[in-house]
Amino acid sequence: MAKNTIAFPSVETYYIIKKLNAQTNPDAYGSVFPNQRMDSGINKMKDYTNFAQWQTELAKDGVIVELDNNGNWYNVE
């Protein structure tokens, strides 16, 4: 059974999942579009509708994401 769900949000919604606590690196991160649904069995999930805020939170854990010219995000390695 899902502990967290993002279902058909009104705008693209970004998420960060951590299994343990706020001090650990993300176990997963991504986004859900208005025509999608995402279920997570992990109860430590935070969601954002603001890309810059999500980007800032990920950067705190050393994960760098940027937007391309089409507005799609990608991981900078």
C-alpha atoms as a PDB file:
ATOM      1  CA  MET A   1       0.000   0.000   0.000  1.00  0.00           C
ATOM      2  CA  ALA A   2       1.310   3.450  -0.915  1.00  0.00           C
ATOM      3  CA  LYS A   3       2.259   5.736   1.924  1.00  0.00           C
ATOM      4  CA  ASN A   4       2.514   8.805  -0.324  1.00  0.00           C
ATOM      5  CA  THR A   5       0.828   9.601  -3.597  1.00  0.00           C
ATOM      6  CA  ILE A   6       1.008  12.458  -6.046  1.00  0.00           C
ATOM      7  CA  ALA A   7      -1.946  11.997  -8.361  1.00  0.00           C
ATOM      8  CA  PHE A   8      -2.726  14.134 -11.384  1.00  0.00           C
ATOM      9  CA  PRO A   9      -1.400  17.390  -9.898  1.00  0.00           C
ATOM     10  CA  SER A  10      -2.572  20.681 -11.382  1.00  0.00           C
ATOM     11  CA  VAL A  11       1.052  21.589 -12.234  1.00  0.00           C
ATOM     12  CA  GLU A  12       4.287  19.613 -12.558  1.00  0.00           C
ATOM     13  CA  THR A  13       5.148  18.562  -9.013  1.00  0.00           C
ATOM     14  CA  TYR A  14       8.649  17.672  -7.893  1.00  0.00           C
ATOM     15  CA  TYR A  15       9.455  15.281  -5.055  1.00  0.00           C
ATOM     16  CA  ILE A  16      12.303  14.094  -2.862  1.00  0.00           C
ATOM     17  CA  ILE A  17      12.148  10.738  -1.073  1.00  0.00           C
ATOM     18  CA  LYS A  18      14.393   9.816   1.838  1.00  0.00           C
ATOM     19  CA  LYS A  19      14.063   6.474   3.621  1.00  0.00           C
ATOM     20  CA  LEU A  20      15.797   7.493   6.837  1.00  0.00           C
ATOM     21  CA  ASN A  21      15.899  11.156   7.808  1.00  0.00           C
ATOM     22  CA  ALA A  22      16.659  14.643   6.619  1.00  0.00           C
ATOM     23  CA  GLN A  23      20.396  14.045   7.069  1.00  0.00           C
ATOM     24  CA  THR A  24      20.624  11.361   4.367  1.00  0.00           C
ATOM     25  CA  ASN A  25      20.975  11.685   0.621  1.00  0.00           C
ATOM     26  CA  PRO A  26      17.778  11.255  -1.382  1.00  0.00           C
ATOM     27  CA  ASP A  27      16.774   7.701  -2.257  1.00  0.00           C
ATOM     28  CA  ALA A  28      14.711   9.054  -5.132  1.00  0.00           C
ATOM     29  CA  TYR A  29      13.696  12.327  -6.688  1.00  0.00           C
ATOM     30  CA  GLY A  30      11.771  13.340  -9.742  1.00  0.00           C
ATOM     31  CA  SER A  31       8.621  14.995 -10.969  1.00  0.00           C
ATOM     32  CA  VAL A  32       5.048  14.114 -11.783  1.00  0.00           C
ATOM     33  CA  PHE A  33       3.126  15.767 -14.620  1.00  0.00           C
ATOM     34  CA  PRO A  34      -0.585  16.643 -14.478  1.00  0.00           C
ATOM     35  CA  ASN A  35      -1.460  13.528 -16.505  1.00  0.00           C
ATOM     36  CA  GLN A  36       0.474  11.186 -14.177  1.00  0.00           C
ATOM     37  CA  ARG A  37       0.242   9.483 -10.802  1.00  0.00           C
ATOM     38  CA  MET A  38       3.140   8.430  -8.570  1.00  0.00           C
ATOM     39  CA  ASP A  39       2.875   6.180  -5.520  1.00  0.00           C
ATOM     40  CA  SER A  40       5.644   5.670  -2.996  1.00  0.00           C
ATOM     41  CA  GLY A  41       5.866   3.023  -0.300  1.00  0.00           C
ATOM     42  CA  ILE A  42       8.238   5.258   1.651  1.00  0.00           C
ATOM     43  CA  ASN A  43       6.686   7.665   4.114  1.00  0.00           C
ATOM     44  CA  LYS A  44       9.421  10.338   4.035  1.00  0.00           C
ATOM     45  CA  MET A  45       8.499  12.273   0.913  1.00  0.00           C
ATOM     46  CA  LYS A  46       8.436  16.031   0.390  1.00  0.00           C
ATOM     47  CA  ASP A  47       6.851  17.587  -2.664  1.00  0.00           C
ATOM     48  CA  TYR A  48       7.323  20.971  -4.302  1.00  0.00           C
ATOM     49  CA  THR A  49       5.554  22.877  -7.062  1.00  0.00           C
ATOM     50  CA  ASN A  50       8.390  25.393  -7.349  1.00  0.00           C
ATOM     51  CA  PHE A  51      11.375  24.113  -9.344  1.00  0.00           C
ATOM     52  CA  ALA A  52      13.858  26.525  -7.721  1.00  0.00           C
ATOM     53  CA  GLN A  53      12.882  25.425  -4.223  1.00  0.00           C
ATOM     54  CA  TRP A  54      13.197  21.729  -5.186  1.00  0.00           C
ATOM     55  CA  GLN A  55      16.526  22.469  -6.880  1.00  0.00           C
ATOM     56  CA  THR A  56      17.812  24.199  -3.715  1.00  0.00           C
ATOM     57  CA  GLU A  57      16.781  21.309  -1.466  1.00  0.00           C
ATOM     58  CA  LEU A  58      18.476  18.765  -3.731  1.00  0.00           C
ATOM     59  CA  ALA A  59      21.643  20.889  -3.890  1.00  0.00           C
ATOM     60  CA  LYS A  60      21.899  20.671  -0.082  1.00  0.00           C
ATOM     61  CA  ASP A  61      22.500  16.935  -0.609  1.00  0.00           C
ATOM     62  CA  GLY A  62      24.909  17.440  -3.500  1.00  0.00           C
ATOM     63  CA  VAL A  63      22.372  16.651  -6.225  1.00  0.00           C
ATOM     64  CA  ILE A  64      22.482  19.263  -8.979  1.00  0.00           C
ATOM     65  CA  VAL A  65      19.582  19.603 -11.404  1.00  0.00           C
ATOM     66  CA  GLU A  66      19.112  22.210 -14.122  1.00  0.00           C
ATOM     67  CA  LEU A  67      16.528  23.081 -16.758  1.00  0.00           C
ATOM     68  CA  ASP A  68      17.232  22.722 -20.464  1.00  0.00           C
ATOM     69  CA  ASN A  69      16.020  25.179 -23.097  1.00  0.00           C
ATOM     70  CA  ASN A  70      12.675  23.358 -23.282  1.00  0.00           C
ATOM     71  CA  GLY A  71      11.995  23.552 -19.540  1.00  0.00           C
ATOM     72  CA  ASN A  72      12.859  19.897 -18.878  1.00  0.00           C
ATOM     73  CA  TRP A  73      14.992  19.191 -15.842  1.00  0.00           C
ATOM     74  CA  TYR A  74      18.083  17.007 -15.947  1.00  0.00           C
ATOM     75  CA  ASN A  75      20.733  15.810 -13.484  1.00  0.00           C
ATOM     76  CA  VAL A  76      24.138  17.504 -13.816  1.00  0.00           C
ATOM     77  CA  GLU A  77      26.903  14.976 -13.243  1.00  0.00           C
END
